[in-house]
Amino acid sequence: MQLHVRYEGDDDPEKCTARRLAHLGHATLHRSARETPPGVVLDPFADRALSPADAGDDRLVALDCSWETATDEAFGLEGPHRSLPFLVAANPVNYGTPFRLNTAEAFAGALTILGHRDQAEGILETFSWGDTFLELNAEPLARYADCADSGEVVAVQDDYLADDEDDTGVDE
């Protein structure tokens, strides 16, 4: 699966996973929305969750920007927009934080859900925390990959969100 990144360049270049993926030949960086090819856009603001039903496209597109500057408008890219379901970050900046994935984690999660586990492992092998991401999220990723569509993915996600609320002592 081709990986493309609309690269904003507004974060620390030393910690930028998109730049490392591009340097290693795993992804292609694009400086404008116009030059970014269409594909399944990983968009945290999307109304539909990514599911195996999206596997027909051969391109994944991510926006690499700081979480502080991520807005709905920034994701003006062509293609179906899909949000990633509940996954926990393993990177040192956001370790243990749900939904706060960096670009490499987002691609790896999406690839696994879409049935490209070997490619997900390949892009994460260069990061010291890469295996940890797959270990922390092994069960949800396997369950999401077994779903037929976005609705089933959301139902599985709801199980994890309900469990998370139970762990915090908040009633459902």
N, C-alpha and C. Protein backbone atom coordinates (compact mmCIF):
# COMPACT_ATOMS: atom_id res chain seq x y z
N MET A 1 0.85 -1.17 0.00
CA MET A 1 0.00 0.00 0.00
C MET A 1 0.90 1.24 0.00
N GLN A 2 0.58 2.20 -0.85
CA GLN A 2 1.34 3.45 -0.91
C GLN A 2 0.97 4.35 0.27
N LEU A 3 1.98 4.96 0.87
CA LEU A 3 1.77 5.88 1.99
C LEU A 3 2.19 7.28 1.56
N HIS A 4 1.26 8.22 1.69
CA HIS A 4 1.52 9.61 1.32
C HIS A 4 1.23 10.50 2.51
N VAL A 5 2.04 11.56 2.65
CA VAL A 5 1.90 12.46 3.77
C VAL A 5 1.83 13.89 3.26
N ARG A 6 0.76 14.56 3.64
CA ARG A 6 0.69 16.03 3.45
C ARG A 6 1.48 16.60 4.61
N TYR A 7 2.67 17.09 4.33
CA TYR A 7 3.64 17.46 5.35
C TYR A 7 3.60 18.95 5.62
N GLU A 8 3.24 19.31 6.84
CA GLU A 8 3.19 20.71 7.26
C GLU A 8 4.55 21.22 7.71
N GLY A 9 5.36 20.36 8.33
CA GLY A 9 6.68 20.76 8.79
C GLY A 9 6.68 21.68 9.99
N ASP A 10 5.63 21.60 10.82
CA ASP A 10 5.54 22.50 11.97
C ASP A 10 5.89 21.84 13.30
N ASP A 11 6.50 20.66 13.24
CA ASP A 11 6.91 20.01 14.48
C ASP A 11 8.42 19.81 14.48
N ASP A 12 8.96 19.27 15.54
CA ASP A 12 10.39 19.06 15.70
C ASP A 12 10.89 18.06 14.64
N PRO A 13 11.77 18.48 13.72
CA PRO A 13 12.24 17.57 12.67
C PRO A 13 12.96 16.33 13.22
N GLU A 14 13.55 16.45 14.39
CA GLU A 14 14.25 15.30 14.99
C GLU A 14 13.27 14.21 15.46
N LYS A 15 12.04 14.61 15.79
CA LYS A 15 11.04 13.66 16.28
C LYS A 15 9.99 13.31 15.23
N CYS A 16 10.13 13.87 14.04
CA CYS A 16 9.10 13.72 13.02
C CYS A 16 9.14 12.33 12.38
N THR A 17 8.12 11.54 12.65
CA THR A 17 8.08 10.18 12.11
C THR A 17 7.81 10.18 10.61
N ALA A 18 7.08 11.17 10.10
CA ALA A 18 6.82 11.24 8.66
C ALA A 18 8.12 11.44 7.89
N ARG A 19 8.97 12.31 8.39
CA ARG A 19 10.26 12.55 7.73
C ARG A 19 11.11 11.28 7.74
N ARG A 20 11.09 10.56 8.85
CA ARG A 20 11.88 9.33 8.91
C ARG A 20 11.32 8.28 7.95
N LEU A 21 9.99 8.17 7.90
CA LEU A 21 9.39 7.22 6.97
C LEU A 21 9.76 7.55 5.53
N ALA A 22 9.75 8.84 5.19
CA ALA A 22 10.11 9.26 3.84
C ALA A 22 11.59 8.98 3.56
N HIS A 23 12.44 9.29 4.53
CA HIS A 23 13.88 9.06 4.38
C HIS A 23 14.19 7.58 4.11
N LEU A 24 13.42 6.70 4.73
CA LEU A 24 13.63 5.26 4.57
C LEU A 24 12.87 4.67 3.38
N GLY A 25 12.15 5.52 2.64
CA GLY A 25 11.44 5.05 1.45
C GLY A 25 10.09 4.43 1.71
N HIS A 26 9.56 4.60 2.93
CA HIS A 26 8.25 4.02 3.26
C HIS A 26 7.08 4.93 2.88
N ALA A 27 7.33 6.23 2.76
CA ALA A 27 6.25 7.18 2.48
C ALA A 27 6.79 8.31 1.60
N THR A 28 5.86 9.01 0.97
CA THR A 28 6.21 10.17 0.14
C THR A 28 5.62 11.41 0.79
N LEU A 29 6.46 12.45 0.97
CA LEU A 29 6.01 13.70 1.56
C LEU A 29 5.55 14.65 0.46
N HIS A 30 4.50 15.42 0.76
CA HIS A 30 3.98 16.43 -0.17
C HIS A 30 3.79 17.72 0.59
N ARG A 31 4.21 18.83 0.00
CA ARG A 31 4.15 20.13 0.67
C ARG A 31 2.84 20.87 0.46
N SER A 32 1.96 20.39 -0.40
CA SER A 32 0.67 21.07 -0.60
C SER A 32 -0.42 20.03 -0.79
N ALA A 33 -1.65 20.45 -0.50
CA ALA A 33 -2.79 19.55 -0.69
C ALA A 33 -2.96 19.22 -2.16
N ARG A 34 -2.67 20.19 -3.02
CA ARG A 34 -2.84 19.98 -4.46
C ARG A 34 -1.93 18.89 -5.00
N GLU A 35 -0.70 18.79 -4.50
CA GLU A 35 0.22 17.77 -5.00
C GLU A 35 0.06 16.42 -4.29
N THR A 36 -0.76 16.37 -3.25
CA THR A 36 -0.99 15.11 -2.52
C THR A 36 -2.01 14.29 -3.29
N PRO A 37 -1.66 13.06 -3.68
CA PRO A 37 -2.61 12.25 -4.44
C PRO A 37 -3.80 11.81 -3.58
N PRO A 38 -4.93 11.55 -4.22
CA PRO A 38 -6.08 11.07 -3.45
C PRO A 38 -5.85 9.66 -2.91
N GLY A 39 -6.50 9.38 -1.81
CA GLY A 39 -6.44 8.08 -1.19
C GLY A 39 -7.31 8.11 0.05
N VAL A 40 -7.29 7.07 0.84
CA VAL A 40 -8.03 7.06 2.10
C VAL A 40 -7.29 8.00 3.04
N VAL A 41 -7.96 9.08 3.44
CA VAL A 41 -7.34 10.11 4.27
C VAL A 41 -7.59 9.80 5.75
N LEU A 42 -6.51 9.66 6.50
CA LEU A 42 -6.62 9.42 7.94
C LEU A 42 -6.87 10.77 8.60
N ASP A 43 -8.09 10.96 9.06
CA ASP A 43 -8.58 12.26 9.52
C ASP A 43 -9.29 12.09 10.86
N PRO A 44 -8.72 12.61 11.95
CA PRO A 44 -9.35 12.43 13.26
C PRO A 44 -10.71 13.11 13.38
N PHE A 45 -11.06 13.97 12.43
CA PHE A 45 -12.34 14.68 12.45
C PHE A 45 -13.39 14.00 11.57
N ALA A 46 -13.04 12.91 10.90
CA ALA A 46 -13.95 12.23 9.97
C ALA A 46 -15.13 11.60 10.71
N ASP A 47 -16.25 11.52 10.01
CA ASP A 47 -17.47 10.95 10.57
C ASP A 47 -17.48 9.42 10.54
N ARG A 48 -16.69 8.82 9.68
CA ARG A 48 -16.67 7.36 9.56
C ARG A 48 -15.34 6.80 10.02
N ALA A 49 -15.39 5.66 10.67
CA ALA A 49 -14.17 4.99 11.13
C ALA A 49 -13.58 4.15 10.01
N LEU A 50 -12.26 4.07 10.00
CA LEU A 50 -11.57 3.20 9.06
C LEU A 50 -11.95 1.75 9.36
N SER A 51 -12.17 0.97 8.32
CA SER A 51 -12.52 -0.44 8.49
C SER A 51 -11.96 -1.24 7.32
N PRO A 52 -11.97 -2.56 7.43
CA PRO A 52 -11.53 -3.38 6.31
C PRO A 52 -12.30 -3.12 5.01
N ALA A 53 -13.49 -2.53 5.09
CA ALA A 53 -14.25 -2.19 3.89
C ALA A 53 -13.51 -1.13 3.05
N ASP A 54 -12.55 -0.43 3.64
CA ASP A 54 -11.78 0.59 2.93
C ASP A 54 -10.54 0.01 2.25
N ALA A 55 -10.35 -1.29 2.30
CA ALA A 55 -9.14 -1.92 1.80
C ALA A 55 -9.01 -1.88 0.28
N GLY A 56 -10.04 -1.49 -0.45
CA GLY A 56 -9.97 -1.47 -1.91
C GLY A 56 -9.06 -0.39 -2.47
N ASP A 57 -8.78 0.64 -1.71
CA ASP A 57 -7.91 1.71 -2.16
C ASP A 57 -6.46 1.30 -1.92
N ASP A 58 -5.55 1.70 -2.80
CA ASP A 58 -4.15 1.30 -2.64
C ASP A 58 -3.28 2.41 -2.04
N ARG A 59 -3.94 3.50 -1.55
CA ARG A 59 -3.20 4.62 -0.97
C ARG A 59 -3.78 5.04 0.36
N LEU A 60 -2.89 5.30 1.31
CA LEU A 60 -3.26 5.93 2.57
C LEU A 60 -2.60 7.30 2.60
N VAL A 61 -3.35 8.29 3.07
CA VAL A 61 -2.84 9.65 3.14
C VAL A 61 -3.01 10.15 4.56
N ALA A 62 -1.93 10.73 5.11
CA ALA A 62 -1.98 11.30 6.45
C ALA A 62 -1.54 12.76 6.37
N LEU A 63 -2.01 13.54 7.31
CA LEU A 63 -1.54 14.91 7.47
C LEU A 63 -0.58 14.91 8.64
N ASP A 64 0.65 15.35 8.39
CA ASP A 64 1.63 15.43 9.46
C ASP A 64 1.73 16.88 9.91
N CYS A 65 1.19 17.13 11.10
CA CYS A 65 1.25 18.47 11.68
C CYS A 65 1.22 18.31 13.20
N SER A 66 1.49 19.37 13.88
CA SER A 66 1.42 19.37 15.33
C SER A 66 -0.04 19.18 15.76
N TRP A 67 -0.26 18.45 16.84
CA TRP A 67 -1.62 18.29 17.36
C TRP A 67 -2.23 19.64 17.73
N GLU A 68 -1.39 20.61 18.06
CA GLU A 68 -1.89 21.93 18.44
C GLU A 68 -2.46 22.69 17.24
N THR A 69 -1.99 22.36 16.03
CA THR A 69 -2.48 23.07 14.84
C THR A 69 -3.45 22.24 14.01
N ALA A 70 -3.72 21.03 14.43
CA ALA A 70 -4.64 20.17 13.66
C ALA A 70 -6.06 20.69 13.79
N THR A 71 -6.63 21.03 12.66
CA THR A 71 -8.02 21.49 12.61
C THR A 71 -8.72 20.75 11.49
N ASP A 72 -10.02 20.79 11.52
CA ASP A 72 -10.82 20.14 10.48
C ASP A 72 -10.44 20.67 9.10
N GLU A 73 -10.21 21.98 8.99
CA GLU A 73 -9.89 22.59 7.70
C GLU A 73 -8.55 22.10 7.15
N ALA A 74 -7.63 21.74 8.03
CA ALA A 74 -6.31 21.31 7.59
C ALA A 74 -6.36 20.00 6.81
N PHE A 75 -7.43 19.26 6.95
CA PHE A 75 -7.54 17.97 6.28
C PHE A 75 -8.27 18.06 4.94
N GLY A 76 -8.10 19.17 4.23
CA GLY A 76 -8.73 19.37 2.93
C GLY A 76 -8.03 18.57 1.85
N LEU A 77 -8.04 17.28 1.95
CA LEU A 77 -7.37 16.39 1.01
C LEU A 77 -8.41 15.54 0.29
N GLU A 78 -8.08 15.13 -0.93
CA GLU A 78 -9.02 14.34 -1.73
C GLU A 78 -9.04 12.88 -1.31
N GLY A 79 -10.24 12.32 -1.32
CA GLY A 79 -10.41 10.90 -1.00
C GLY A 79 -11.36 10.74 0.16
N PRO A 80 -11.78 9.51 0.41
CA PRO A 80 -12.66 9.27 1.54
C PRO A 80 -11.91 9.51 2.85
N HIS A 81 -12.52 10.27 3.74
CA HIS A 81 -11.90 10.57 5.03
C HIS A 81 -12.37 9.56 6.07
N ARG A 82 -11.41 9.01 6.81
CA ARG A 82 -11.72 8.01 7.84
C ARG A 82 -10.93 8.32 9.10
N SER A 83 -11.59 8.16 10.23
CA SER A 83 -10.90 8.32 11.51
C SER A 83 -10.42 6.95 11.99
N LEU A 84 -9.35 6.97 12.71
CA LEU A 84 -8.88 5.72 13.32
C LEU A 84 -9.66 5.50 14.61
N PRO A 85 -10.01 4.26 14.89
CA PRO A 85 -10.71 3.97 16.15
C PRO A 85 -9.73 4.05 17.32
N PHE A 86 -10.26 3.79 18.50
CA PHE A 86 -9.49 3.84 19.74
C PHE A 86 -8.20 3.03 19.62
N LEU A 87 -7.08 3.72 19.72
CA LEU A 87 -5.75 3.12 19.80
C LEU A 87 -4.95 3.99 20.75
N VAL A 88 -3.96 3.39 21.40
CA VAL A 88 -3.16 4.09 22.40
C VAL A 88 -1.76 4.33 21.84
N ALA A 89 -1.26 5.55 22.01
CA ALA A 89 0.08 5.90 21.54
C ALA A 89 1.16 5.19 22.35
N ALA A 90 2.24 4.83 21.67
CA ALA A 90 3.40 4.24 22.34
C ALA A 90 4.63 5.13 22.19
N ASN A 91 4.51 6.19 21.42
CA ASN A 91 5.66 7.08 21.21
C ASN A 91 5.97 7.83 22.52
N PRO A 92 7.21 8.26 22.71
CA PRO A 92 7.61 8.90 23.97
C PRO A 92 6.87 10.20 24.29
N VAL A 93 6.41 10.91 23.29
CA VAL A 93 5.74 12.19 23.51
C VAL A 93 4.33 12.00 24.07
N ASN A 94 3.60 11.03 23.56
CA ASN A 94 2.19 10.83 23.96
C ASN A 94 1.93 9.43 24.52
N TYR A 95 2.94 8.78 25.07
CA TYR A 95 2.80 7.40 25.53
C TYR A 95 1.56 7.22 26.41
N GLY A 96 0.76 6.21 26.05
CA GLY A 96 -0.41 5.85 26.84
C GLY A 96 -1.64 6.71 26.58
N THR A 97 -1.52 7.70 25.72
CA THR A 97 -2.64 8.60 25.45
C THR A 97 -3.47 8.07 24.29
N PRO A 98 -4.76 7.82 24.53
CA PRO A 98 -5.61 7.35 23.43
C PRO A 98 -5.79 8.43 22.36
N PHE A 99 -5.85 7.99 21.12
CA PHE A 99 -6.15 8.85 19.97
C PHE A 99 -5.05 9.87 19.65
N ARG A 100 -3.93 9.92 20.35
CA ARG A 100 -2.86 10.90 20.11
C ARG A 100 -1.67 10.23 19.42
N LEU A 101 -1.93 9.64 18.27
CA LEU A 101 -0.90 8.91 17.55
C LEU A 101 -0.06 9.84 16.69
N ASN A 102 1.20 9.48 16.50
CA ASN A 102 2.00 10.21 15.52
C ASN A 102 1.74 9.58 14.14
N THR A 103 2.38 10.11 13.12
CA THR A 103 2.10 9.67 11.75
C THR A 103 2.44 8.19 11.55
N ALA A 104 3.58 7.75 12.06
CA ALA A 104 3.96 6.34 11.89
C ALA A 104 2.96 5.41 12.58
N GLU A 105 2.52 5.77 13.79
CA GLU A 105 1.54 4.95 14.50
C GLU A 105 0.20 4.94 13.76
N ALA A 106 -0.20 6.08 13.23
CA ALA A 106 -1.46 6.15 12.49
C ALA A 106 -1.40 5.25 11.26
N PHE A 107 -0.30 5.33 10.52
CA PHE A 107 -0.15 4.45 9.35
C PHE A 107 -0.14 2.98 9.77
N ALA A 108 0.60 2.65 10.82
CA ALA A 108 0.69 1.25 11.26
C ALA A 108 -0.66 0.72 11.70
N GLY A 109 -1.40 1.52 12.46
CA GLY A 109 -2.74 1.11 12.88
C GLY A 109 -3.65 0.90 11.67
N ALA A 110 -3.62 1.84 10.74
CA ALA A 110 -4.47 1.74 9.54
C ALA A 110 -4.07 0.53 8.70
N LEU A 111 -2.79 0.34 8.50
CA LEU A 111 -2.33 -0.80 7.70
C LEU A 111 -2.78 -2.12 8.32
N THR A 112 -2.69 -2.22 9.63
CA THR A 112 -3.10 -3.46 10.31
C THR A 112 -4.59 -3.70 10.14
N ILE A 113 -5.39 -2.66 10.31
CA ILE A 113 -6.84 -2.79 10.14
C ILE A 113 -7.18 -3.20 8.71
N LEU A 114 -6.42 -2.69 7.75
CA LEU A 114 -6.69 -2.97 6.34
C LEU A 114 -6.07 -4.27 5.85
N GLY A 115 -5.43 -5.02 6.75
CA GLY A 115 -4.90 -6.34 6.38
C GLY A 115 -3.46 -6.33 5.89
N HIS A 116 -2.71 -5.28 6.19
CA HIS A 116 -1.31 -5.17 5.77
C HIS A 116 -0.39 -5.16 6.99
N ARG A 117 -0.52 -6.17 7.83
CA ARG A 117 0.24 -6.24 9.08
C ARG A 117 1.75 -6.25 8.84
N ASP A 118 2.22 -6.97 7.82
CA ASP A 118 3.65 -7.02 7.56
C ASP A 118 4.21 -5.64 7.23
N GLN A 119 3.46 -4.86 6.45
CA GLN A 119 3.90 -3.51 6.12
C GLN A 119 3.90 -2.63 7.37
N ALA A 120 2.90 -2.81 8.23
CA ALA A 120 2.85 -2.06 9.49
C ALA A 120 4.09 -2.35 10.33
N GLU A 121 4.43 -3.61 10.46
CA GLU A 121 5.62 -3.99 11.22
C GLU A 121 6.88 -3.40 10.58
N GLY A 122 6.92 -3.40 9.26
CA GLY A 122 8.08 -2.88 8.54
C GLY A 122 8.31 -1.40 8.78
N ILE A 123 7.23 -0.61 8.80
CA ILE A 123 7.44 0.83 9.00
C ILE A 123 7.76 1.16 10.45
N LEU A 124 7.35 0.30 11.38
CA LEU A 124 7.62 0.56 12.79
C LEU A 124 8.97 0.05 13.28
N GLU A 125 9.61 -0.82 12.50
CA GLU A 125 10.84 -1.45 12.99
C GLU A 125 11.98 -0.47 13.23
N THR A 126 11.93 0.68 12.62
CA THR A 126 12.99 1.68 12.81
C THR A 126 12.82 2.52 14.09
N PHE A 127 11.67 2.40 14.73
CA PHE A 127 11.40 3.17 15.94
C PHE A 127 11.55 2.28 17.17
N SER A 128 12.23 2.77 18.19
CA SER A 128 12.47 1.96 19.40
C SER A 128 11.17 1.55 20.07
N TRP A 129 10.12 2.32 19.91
CA TRP A 129 8.82 2.06 20.52
C TRP A 129 7.85 1.36 19.56
N GLY A 130 8.30 1.03 18.36
CA GLY A 130 7.41 0.45 17.34
C GLY A 130 6.72 -0.84 17.77
N ASP A 131 7.50 -1.77 18.31
CA ASP A 131 6.90 -3.03 18.78
C ASP A 131 5.92 -2.78 19.91
N THR A 132 6.23 -1.79 20.76
CA THR A 132 5.35 -1.47 21.88
C THR A 132 3.99 -1.01 21.38
N PHE A 133 3.97 -0.22 20.31
CA PHE A 133 2.68 0.21 19.75
C PHE A 133 1.83 -0.99 19.35
N LEU A 134 2.42 -1.93 18.65
CA LEU A 134 1.66 -3.11 18.22
C LEU A 134 1.27 -3.99 19.40
N GLU A 135 2.12 -4.08 20.42
CA GLU A 135 1.78 -4.87 21.61
C GLU A 135 0.65 -4.21 22.41
N LEU A 136 0.75 -2.91 22.65
CA LEU A 136 -0.29 -2.20 23.42
C LEU A 136 -1.66 -2.31 22.76
N ASN A 137 -1.66 -2.34 21.44
CA ASN A 137 -2.91 -2.31 20.68
C ASN A 137 -3.24 -3.62 19.99
N ALA A 138 -2.59 -4.71 20.39
CA ALA A 138 -2.76 -5.99 19.71
C ALA A 138 -4.22 -6.44 19.67
N GLU A 139 -4.88 -6.43 20.82
CA GLU A 139 -6.26 -6.91 20.85
C GLU A 139 -7.21 -6.02 20.05
N PRO A 140 -7.23 -4.70 20.27
CA PRO A 140 -8.15 -3.89 19.47
C PRO A 140 -7.84 -3.95 17.98
N LEU A 141 -6.57 -3.95 17.59
CA LEU A 141 -6.25 -4.01 16.17
C LEU A 141 -6.76 -5.31 15.54
N ALA A 142 -6.61 -6.42 16.25
CA ALA A 142 -7.11 -7.70 15.73
C ALA A 142 -8.63 -7.67 15.61
N ARG A 143 -9.28 -7.10 16.59
CA ARG A 143 -10.75 -7.03 16.55
C ARG A 143 -11.23 -6.10 15.44
N TYR A 144 -10.58 -4.95 15.27
CA TYR A 144 -10.98 -4.03 14.19
C TYR A 144 -10.77 -4.68 12.82
N ALA A 145 -9.67 -5.41 12.67
CA ALA A 145 -9.36 -6.06 11.39
C ALA A 145 -10.37 -7.14 11.04
N ASP A 146 -11.08 -7.67 12.04
CA ASP A 146 -12.10 -8.69 11.80
C ASP A 146 -13.47 -8.11 11.48
N CYS A 147 -13.61 -6.81 11.57
CA CYS A 147 -14.91 -6.16 11.31
C CYS A 147 -15.19 -6.07 9.81
N ALA A 148 -16.46 -5.97 9.48
CA ALA A 148 -16.85 -5.85 8.08
C ALA A 148 -16.91 -4.41 7.61
N ASP A 149 -17.30 -3.50 8.51
CA ASP A 149 -17.51 -2.12 8.09
C ASP A 149 -17.31 -1.15 9.26
N SER A 150 -17.48 0.12 8.96
CA SER A 150 -17.28 1.18 9.94
C SER A 150 -18.17 1.02 11.17
N GLY A 151 -19.42 0.63 10.96
CA GLY A 151 -20.35 0.44 12.08
C GLY A 151 -19.86 -0.59 13.06
N GLU A 152 -19.33 -1.70 12.56
CA GLU A 152 -18.80 -2.74 13.44
C GLU A 152 -17.55 -2.25 14.18
N VAL A 153 -16.70 -1.48 13.50
CA VAL A 153 -15.50 -0.93 14.14
C VAL A 153 -15.91 -0.01 15.29
N VAL A 154 -16.91 0.83 15.07
CA VAL A 154 -17.37 1.74 16.12
C VAL A 154 -17.93 0.95 17.30
N ALA A 155 -18.63 -0.15 17.03
CA ALA A 155 -19.17 -0.97 18.11
C ALA A 155 -18.04 -1.58 18.95
N VAL A 156 -16.98 -2.03 18.29
CA VAL A 156 -15.82 -2.57 19.01
C VAL A 156 -15.16 -1.45 19.81
N GLN A 157 -14.98 -0.30 19.18
CA GLN A 157 -14.40 0.85 19.87
C GLN A 157 -15.20 1.20 21.12
N ASP A 158 -16.52 1.16 21.02
CA ASP A 158 -17.37 1.48 22.17
C ASP A 158 -17.10 0.55 23.34
N ASP A 159 -16.75 -0.72 23.05
CA ASP A 159 -16.37 -1.65 24.12
C ASP A 159 -15.16 -1.13 24.88
N TYR A 160 -14.16 -0.65 24.15
CA TYR A 160 -12.94 -0.15 24.78
C TYR A 160 -13.19 1.15 25.52
N LEU A 161 -13.99 2.01 24.95
CA LEU A 161 -14.28 3.28 25.63
C LEU A 161 -15.09 3.04 26.90
N ALA A 162 -16.00 2.08 26.88
CA ALA A 162 -16.77 1.74 28.09
C ALA A 162 -15.84 1.14 29.15
N ASP A 163 -14.90 0.28 28.72
CA ASP A 163 -13.93 -0.29 29.66
C ASP A 163 -13.06 0.80 30.25
N ASP A 164 -12.66 1.78 29.43
CA ASP A 164 -11.82 2.88 29.90
C ASP A 164 -12.57 3.70 30.95
N GLU A 165 -13.87 3.95 30.73
CA GLU A 165 -14.67 4.68 31.73
C GLU A 165 -14.79 3.88 33.01
N ASP A 166 -14.96 2.56 32.88
CA ASP A 166 -15.04 1.71 34.08
C ASP A 166 -13.75 1.81 34.89
N ASP A 167 -12.61 1.85 34.19
CA ASP A 167 -11.32 1.92 34.87
C ASP A 167 -11.13 3.25 35.61
N THR A 168 -11.80 4.30 35.15
CA THR A 168 -11.64 5.60 35.79
C THR A 168 -12.64 5.81 36.90
N GLY A 169 -13.57 4.90 37.08
CA GLY A 169 -14.57 5.03 38.13
C GLY A 169 -15.77 5.83 37.71
N VAL A 170 -15.83 6.22 36.44
CA VAL A 170 -16.98 6.99 35.93
C VAL A 170 -18.05 6.01 35.48
N ASP A 171 -19.26 6.25 35.90
CA ASP A 171 -20.37 5.39 35.47
C ASP A 171 -20.70 5.68 34.01
N GLU A 172 -21.21 4.65 33.32
CA GLU A 172 -21.60 4.81 31.92
C GLU A 172 -22.86 5.61 31.79
